[in-house]
Structures are given as C-alpha cells and as structure tokens.
Amino acid sequence: MRSTYFWSGLALMAFLMLILSGCQIFQASSDELFGPGGIPGDEYRVGGGYQIRYAAPEAGVVYLVEQRTGVLLGTESLRRGETFEFFPTSEVVEGFKRVGIELAQGEFVIYFVPASVLYHR
C-alpha cells in the first residue's frame, strides 16, 4: 500500500515540476494556431478571390478555404518563392459542384502559415 502512495506522489511531483518549469503540456486556447475545421487564424490570411496567385515569402503551407461555408478545400506545401495558383477551370467548377459549392457564390480565401510557425511551436 505504501508503494502505491509513493509512486502516486512521485508522479504528481513530476507533473507539478513540468508545469512549474514552464513546460506546456496543455496549450491555452488563445495559443491555438488553427480554429474549427483546421482553418488557420485570421493573422495568417493572405488573400482571396476567384483568381488567386500567391508567392510564398518563405517555406510554409497554403490553405484554400471557402469562407462562407468554412470548408477547407485543400492545402499545398510551398518552398520559398514557389507560387500557389487557383483559378476556375472546368474541372474546378465540376469539383466544387460535387461538394455542393457553386463557384459564383463562393468566397475563396487563402491562408499562409510559415513552416517556422508550424514546426517550432
């Protein structure tokens, strides 16, 4: 019985030491990078429209979102200087129809999250 108390106490002390030393086991909601549906926060919004061309200032990931519905349509990893392009080809129009989005009614927005933010949190 004493052994159980000893190990429980030891585990509790280790947990408290991690918290008090600044190790973040649980991140506060204000520190979250992504909101509902896996969409980055507004500080990462870099553009939008029906014809989008965005050159990455550094390595990172572009997120294409239909803003009205909040649907994450896709992501693409880019290296510094690479370009992300979105424009309505007939295949794109058909693809959006299949998921219930009329291209003319869509509000397309892109977000860019630098790799330095994604991998060094």
N, C-alpha and C. Protein backbone atom coordinates (compact mmCIF):
# COMPACT_ATOMS: atom_id res chain seq x y z
N MET A 1 0.82 -1.19 0.00
CA MET A 1 0.00 0.00 0.00
C MET A 1 0.87 1.26 0.00
N ARG A 2 1.92 1.24 0.81
CA ARG A 2 2.81 2.40 0.86
C ARG A 2 3.49 2.61 -0.49
N SER A 3 3.75 1.53 -1.19
CA SER A 3 4.37 1.61 -2.50
C SER A 3 3.47 2.37 -3.48
N THR A 4 2.16 2.15 -3.42
CA THR A 4 1.21 2.84 -4.28
C THR A 4 1.22 4.32 -3.99
N TYR A 5 1.21 4.70 -2.73
CA TYR A 5 1.25 6.11 -2.36
C TYR A 5 2.55 6.76 -2.81
N PHE A 6 3.66 6.02 -2.67
CA PHE A 6 4.95 6.53 -3.07
C PHE A 6 4.96 6.85 -4.56
N TRP A 7 4.55 5.92 -5.41
CA TRP A 7 4.57 6.12 -6.86
C TRP A 7 3.57 7.18 -7.30
N SER A 8 2.42 7.22 -6.63
CA SER A 8 1.44 8.26 -6.95
C SER A 8 1.99 9.64 -6.62
N GLY A 9 2.61 9.74 -5.47
CA GLY A 9 3.21 11.02 -5.06
C GLY A 9 4.34 11.43 -5.98
N LEU A 10 5.14 10.47 -6.39
CA LEU A 10 6.25 10.74 -7.30
C LEU A 10 5.73 11.23 -8.65
N ALA A 11 4.69 10.60 -9.16
CA ALA A 11 4.11 11.02 -10.43
C ALA A 11 3.53 12.43 -10.33
N LEU A 12 2.86 12.72 -9.22
CA LEU A 12 2.28 14.04 -9.01
C LEU A 12 3.39 15.10 -8.94
N MET A 13 4.46 14.80 -8.25
CA MET A 13 5.57 15.75 -8.14
C MET A 13 6.20 16.01 -9.51
N ALA A 14 6.37 14.96 -10.33
CA ALA A 14 6.94 15.12 -11.66
C ALA A 14 6.04 16.00 -12.52
N PHE A 15 4.74 15.78 -12.44
CA PHE A 15 3.77 16.57 -13.20
C PHE A 15 3.85 18.04 -12.77
N LEU A 16 3.87 18.30 -11.49
CA LEU A 16 3.95 19.68 -10.99
C LEU A 16 5.26 20.35 -11.38
N MET A 17 6.34 19.61 -11.38
CA MET A 17 7.63 20.18 -11.78
C MET A 17 7.61 20.58 -13.26
N LEU A 18 6.98 19.76 -14.10
CA LEU A 18 6.89 20.10 -15.52
C LEU A 18 6.09 21.38 -15.73
N ILE A 19 5.00 21.51 -15.03
CA ILE A 19 4.16 22.70 -15.17
C ILE A 19 4.88 23.93 -14.64
N LEU A 20 5.47 23.83 -13.46
CA LEU A 20 6.13 24.97 -12.85
C LEU A 20 7.40 25.38 -13.60
N SER A 21 8.01 24.45 -14.32
CA SER A 21 9.22 24.80 -15.07
C SER A 21 8.92 25.47 -16.40
N GLY A 22 7.66 25.57 -16.74
CA GLY A 22 7.29 26.25 -17.98
C GLY A 22 7.00 25.32 -19.13
N CYS A 23 7.09 24.04 -18.93
CA CYS A 23 6.77 23.07 -19.98
C CYS A 23 5.27 23.10 -20.21
N GLN A 24 4.87 23.33 -21.45
CA GLN A 24 3.45 23.40 -21.75
C GLN A 24 2.94 22.05 -22.22
N ILE A 25 2.29 21.34 -21.33
CA ILE A 25 1.68 20.07 -21.70
C ILE A 25 0.36 20.34 -22.39
N PHE A 26 -0.38 21.30 -21.88
CA PHE A 26 -1.66 21.69 -22.46
C PHE A 26 -1.52 23.12 -22.93
N GLN A 27 -1.91 23.41 -24.18
CA GLN A 27 -1.82 24.77 -24.68
C GLN A 27 -3.14 25.48 -24.46
N ALA A 28 -3.06 26.73 -24.10
CA ALA A 28 -4.26 27.53 -23.91
C ALA A 28 -4.94 27.76 -25.25
N SER A 29 -6.25 27.94 -25.24
CA SER A 29 -6.99 28.09 -26.49
C SER A 29 -6.55 29.33 -27.26
N SER A 30 -6.06 30.36 -26.57
CA SER A 30 -5.61 31.57 -27.27
C SER A 30 -4.32 31.32 -28.05
N ASP A 31 -3.60 30.25 -27.72
CA ASP A 31 -2.36 29.93 -28.41
C ASP A 31 -2.57 28.99 -29.59
N GLU A 32 -3.79 28.59 -29.82
CA GLU A 32 -4.03 27.65 -30.90
C GLU A 32 -3.80 28.31 -32.25
N LEU A 33 -3.14 27.57 -33.12
CA LEU A 33 -2.87 28.06 -34.46
C LEU A 33 -4.08 27.91 -35.36
N PHE A 34 -4.83 26.83 -35.17
CA PHE A 34 -5.96 26.52 -36.04
C PHE A 34 -7.27 26.63 -35.29
N GLY A 35 -8.29 27.08 -36.02
CA GLY A 35 -9.63 27.15 -35.48
C GLY A 35 -10.42 25.92 -35.88
N PRO A 36 -11.74 26.02 -35.79
CA PRO A 36 -12.60 24.90 -36.16
C PRO A 36 -12.40 24.50 -37.62
N GLY A 37 -12.44 23.23 -37.88
CA GLY A 37 -12.30 22.74 -39.25
C GLY A 37 -10.88 22.75 -39.77
N GLY A 38 -9.89 23.03 -38.92
CA GLY A 38 -8.50 23.04 -39.37
C GLY A 38 -8.09 24.28 -40.13
N ILE A 39 -8.84 25.36 -39.97
CA ILE A 39 -8.56 26.60 -40.68
C ILE A 39 -7.67 27.49 -39.80
N PRO A 40 -6.57 28.00 -40.36
CA PRO A 40 -5.68 28.87 -39.57
C PRO A 40 -6.39 30.14 -39.10
N GLY A 41 -5.81 30.79 -38.10
CA GLY A 41 -6.34 32.04 -37.58
C GLY A 41 -6.24 33.17 -38.59
N ASP A 42 -7.01 34.23 -38.36
CA ASP A 42 -7.08 35.37 -39.28
C ASP A 42 -5.72 36.04 -39.54
N GLU A 43 -4.80 35.94 -38.59
CA GLU A 43 -3.49 36.58 -38.79
C GLU A 43 -2.70 35.93 -39.93
N TYR A 44 -3.13 34.75 -40.39
CA TYR A 44 -2.46 34.06 -41.49
C TYR A 44 -3.18 34.23 -42.83
N ARG A 45 -4.24 35.00 -42.85
CA ARG A 45 -4.99 35.24 -44.09
C ARG A 45 -4.16 36.15 -44.99
N VAL A 46 -3.95 35.72 -46.24
CA VAL A 46 -3.09 36.48 -47.15
C VAL A 46 -3.75 36.88 -48.46
N GLY A 47 -4.96 36.43 -48.71
CA GLY A 47 -5.60 36.82 -49.97
C GLY A 47 -6.88 36.06 -50.22
N GLY A 48 -7.44 36.33 -51.38
CA GLY A 48 -8.66 35.65 -51.75
C GLY A 48 -9.16 36.13 -53.09
N GLY A 49 -10.28 35.59 -53.53
CA GLY A 49 -10.89 35.96 -54.80
C GLY A 49 -11.18 34.74 -55.64
N TYR A 50 -11.48 34.98 -56.91
CA TYR A 50 -11.79 33.89 -57.83
C TYR A 50 -10.58 33.46 -58.63
N GLN A 51 -9.59 34.33 -58.74
CA GLN A 51 -8.33 34.00 -59.38
C GLN A 51 -7.23 34.44 -58.43
N ILE A 52 -6.57 33.47 -57.86
CA ILE A 52 -5.58 33.75 -56.82
C ILE A 52 -4.21 33.30 -57.29
N ARG A 53 -3.23 34.16 -57.07
CA ARG A 53 -1.83 33.81 -57.32
C ARG A 53 -1.05 34.36 -56.14
N TYR A 54 -0.37 33.46 -55.41
CA TYR A 54 0.35 33.87 -54.21
C TYR A 54 1.73 33.25 -54.22
N ALA A 55 2.76 34.08 -54.08
CA ALA A 55 4.14 33.61 -54.00
C ALA A 55 4.55 33.56 -52.53
N ALA A 56 5.05 32.42 -52.10
CA ALA A 56 5.43 32.22 -50.70
C ALA A 56 6.69 33.01 -50.36
N PRO A 57 6.63 33.85 -49.32
CA PRO A 57 7.81 34.60 -48.91
C PRO A 57 8.85 33.72 -48.21
N GLU A 58 8.41 32.56 -47.74
CA GLU A 58 9.27 31.58 -47.10
C GLU A 58 8.57 30.23 -47.20
N ALA A 59 9.22 29.17 -46.79
CA ALA A 59 8.60 27.85 -46.83
C ALA A 59 7.39 27.83 -45.89
N GLY A 60 6.35 27.12 -46.31
CA GLY A 60 5.15 27.03 -45.49
C GLY A 60 4.03 26.30 -46.20
N VAL A 61 2.82 26.44 -45.67
CA VAL A 61 1.66 25.75 -46.21
C VAL A 61 0.55 26.76 -46.51
N VAL A 62 -0.02 26.64 -47.72
CA VAL A 62 -1.17 27.45 -48.11
C VAL A 62 -2.43 26.63 -47.86
N TYR A 63 -3.45 27.28 -47.31
CA TYR A 63 -4.75 26.66 -47.06
C TYR A 63 -5.79 27.40 -47.88
N LEU A 64 -6.52 26.68 -48.74
CA LEU A 64 -7.58 27.27 -49.54
C LEU A 64 -8.90 26.95 -48.85
N VAL A 65 -9.68 28.00 -48.55
CA VAL A 65 -10.91 27.86 -47.77
C VAL A 65 -12.06 28.56 -48.49
N GLU A 66 -13.22 27.92 -48.48
CA GLU A 66 -14.44 28.60 -48.92
C GLU A 66 -14.99 29.24 -47.66
N GLN A 67 -14.84 30.55 -47.56
CA GLN A 67 -15.10 31.29 -46.33
C GLN A 67 -16.55 31.23 -45.88
N ARG A 68 -17.47 31.29 -46.80
CA ARG A 68 -18.90 31.33 -46.46
C ARG A 68 -19.33 30.07 -45.71
N THR A 69 -18.86 28.91 -46.17
CA THR A 69 -19.23 27.64 -45.54
C THR A 69 -18.21 27.17 -44.52
N GLY A 70 -17.00 27.75 -44.55
CA GLY A 70 -15.96 27.32 -43.64
C GLY A 70 -15.32 26.00 -44.03
N VAL A 71 -15.44 25.62 -45.29
CA VAL A 71 -14.90 24.35 -45.77
C VAL A 71 -13.45 24.52 -46.21
N LEU A 72 -12.58 23.69 -45.65
CA LEU A 72 -11.18 23.65 -46.07
C LEU A 72 -11.11 22.84 -47.35
N LEU A 73 -10.78 23.49 -48.45
CA LEU A 73 -10.80 22.85 -49.76
C LEU A 73 -9.50 22.15 -50.10
N GLY A 74 -8.42 22.60 -49.53
CA GLY A 74 -7.16 21.95 -49.81
C GLY A 74 -5.99 22.69 -49.21
N THR A 75 -4.86 22.01 -49.18
CA THR A 75 -3.62 22.60 -48.69
C THR A 75 -2.51 22.28 -49.69
N GLU A 76 -1.49 23.10 -49.66
CA GLU A 76 -0.33 22.85 -50.52
C GLU A 76 0.92 23.38 -49.83
N SER A 77 1.93 22.53 -49.74
CA SER A 77 3.21 22.95 -49.18
C SER A 77 4.00 23.69 -50.25
N LEU A 78 4.58 24.81 -49.85
CA LEU A 78 5.38 25.62 -50.78
C LEU A 78 6.76 25.88 -50.20
N ARG A 79 7.73 25.94 -51.09
CA ARG A 79 9.05 26.41 -50.69
C ARG A 79 9.12 27.90 -50.95
N ARG A 80 10.10 28.54 -50.40
CA ARG A 80 10.27 29.98 -50.59
C ARG A 80 10.32 30.30 -52.09
N GLY A 81 9.47 31.26 -52.51
CA GLY A 81 9.44 31.68 -53.91
C GLY A 81 8.48 30.89 -54.79
N GLU A 82 8.01 29.74 -54.33
CA GLU A 82 7.06 28.97 -55.13
C GLU A 82 5.70 29.66 -55.11
N THR A 83 4.90 29.39 -56.15
CA THR A 83 3.63 30.07 -56.31
C THR A 83 2.46 29.10 -56.18
N PHE A 84 1.43 29.56 -55.48
CA PHE A 84 0.15 28.85 -55.40
C PHE A 84 -0.82 29.57 -56.33
N GLU A 85 -1.51 28.81 -57.18
CA GLU A 85 -2.48 29.42 -58.09
C GLU A 85 -3.82 28.70 -57.97
N PHE A 86 -4.88 29.49 -57.99
CA PHE A 86 -6.24 28.96 -58.00
C PHE A 86 -7.03 29.78 -59.00
N PHE A 87 -7.60 29.09 -59.98
CA PHE A 87 -8.48 29.77 -60.93
C PHE A 87 -9.50 28.75 -61.41
N PRO A 88 -10.68 29.23 -61.78
CA PRO A 88 -11.80 28.32 -62.08
C PRO A 88 -11.73 27.69 -63.48
N THR A 89 -11.10 26.53 -63.57
CA THR A 89 -11.15 25.74 -64.80
C THR A 89 -12.43 24.93 -64.77
N SER A 90 -12.76 24.28 -65.85
CA SER A 90 -13.99 23.48 -65.88
C SER A 90 -13.92 22.32 -64.88
N GLU A 91 -12.72 21.76 -64.65
CA GLU A 91 -12.56 20.69 -63.67
C GLU A 91 -12.81 21.22 -62.25
N VAL A 92 -12.33 22.42 -62.00
CA VAL A 92 -12.54 23.03 -60.68
C VAL A 92 -14.03 23.28 -60.44
N VAL A 93 -14.71 23.80 -61.44
CA VAL A 93 -16.15 24.08 -61.33
C VAL A 93 -16.90 22.79 -61.03
N GLU A 94 -16.59 21.72 -61.76
CA GLU A 94 -17.26 20.43 -61.53
C GLU A 94 -16.94 19.87 -60.15
N GLY A 95 -15.71 20.01 -59.73
CA GLY A 95 -15.32 19.53 -58.40
C GLY A 95 -16.09 20.23 -57.29
N PHE A 96 -16.26 21.53 -57.42
CA PHE A 96 -17.00 22.29 -56.42
C PHE A 96 -18.48 21.92 -56.44
N LYS A 97 -19.03 21.66 -57.61
CA LYS A 97 -20.43 21.25 -57.69
C LYS A 97 -20.65 19.94 -56.95
N ARG A 98 -19.67 19.03 -57.03
CA ARG A 98 -19.78 17.74 -56.35
C ARG A 98 -19.83 17.88 -54.84
N VAL A 99 -19.20 18.91 -54.29
CA VAL A 99 -19.24 19.12 -52.84
C VAL A 99 -20.28 20.16 -52.43
N GLY A 100 -21.13 20.57 -53.40
CA GLY A 100 -22.24 21.46 -53.07
C GLY A 100 -21.90 22.94 -53.01
N ILE A 101 -20.83 23.35 -53.66
CA ILE A 101 -20.45 24.77 -53.66
C ILE A 101 -20.56 25.31 -55.09
N GLU A 102 -21.40 26.31 -55.26
CA GLU A 102 -21.50 26.98 -56.56
C GLU A 102 -20.36 28.00 -56.63
N LEU A 103 -19.55 27.89 -57.64
CA LEU A 103 -18.37 28.74 -57.76
C LEU A 103 -18.72 30.22 -57.74
N ALA A 104 -19.82 30.61 -58.37
CA ALA A 104 -20.21 32.02 -58.43
C ALA A 104 -20.59 32.56 -57.05
N GLN A 105 -21.00 31.68 -56.14
CA GLN A 105 -21.39 32.12 -54.80
C GLN A 105 -20.25 31.95 -53.78
N GLY A 106 -19.18 31.34 -54.19
CA GLY A 106 -18.09 31.06 -53.26
C GLY A 106 -17.29 32.29 -52.89
N GLU A 107 -16.79 32.29 -51.67
CA GLU A 107 -15.87 33.32 -51.18
C GLU A 107 -14.58 32.60 -50.85
N PHE A 108 -13.64 32.62 -51.78
CA PHE A 108 -12.42 31.85 -51.64
C PHE A 108 -11.32 32.69 -51.00
N VAL A 109 -10.72 32.12 -49.97
CA VAL A 109 -9.71 32.81 -49.19
C VAL A 109 -8.52 31.87 -49.03
N ILE A 110 -7.32 32.44 -49.02
CA ILE A 110 -6.14 31.62 -48.74
C ILE A 110 -5.45 32.14 -47.48
N TYR A 111 -4.89 31.19 -46.77
CA TYR A 111 -4.10 31.45 -45.57
C TYR A 111 -2.72 30.86 -45.83
N PHE A 112 -1.70 31.52 -45.30
CA PHE A 112 -0.34 31.00 -45.42
C PHE A 112 0.26 30.92 -44.03
N VAL A 113 0.67 29.71 -43.65
CA VAL A 113 1.31 29.50 -42.35
C VAL A 113 2.76 29.10 -42.61
N PRO A 114 3.70 29.94 -42.18
CA PRO A 114 5.12 29.63 -42.40
C PRO A 114 5.53 28.33 -41.70
N ALA A 115 6.44 27.61 -42.33
CA ALA A 115 6.94 26.37 -41.74
C ALA A 115 7.57 26.62 -40.38
N SER A 116 8.18 27.79 -40.20
CA SER A 116 8.81 28.10 -38.91
C SER A 116 7.78 28.13 -37.78
N VAL A 117 6.55 28.50 -38.09
CA VAL A 117 5.48 28.53 -37.09
C VAL A 117 4.92 27.12 -36.89
N LEU A 118 4.75 26.39 -37.96
CA LEU A 118 4.18 25.04 -37.89
C LEU A 118 5.07 24.07 -37.12
N TYR A 119 6.37 24.14 -37.34
CA TYR A 119 7.27 23.13 -36.80
C TYR A 119 8.02 23.57 -35.56
N HIS A 120 7.83 24.80 -35.12
CA HIS A 120 8.55 25.28 -33.93
C HIS A 120 7.61 25.84 -32.91
N ARG A 121 6.49 25.15 -32.68
CA ARG A 121 5.50 25.63 -31.72
C ARG A 121 5.83 25.14 -30.35
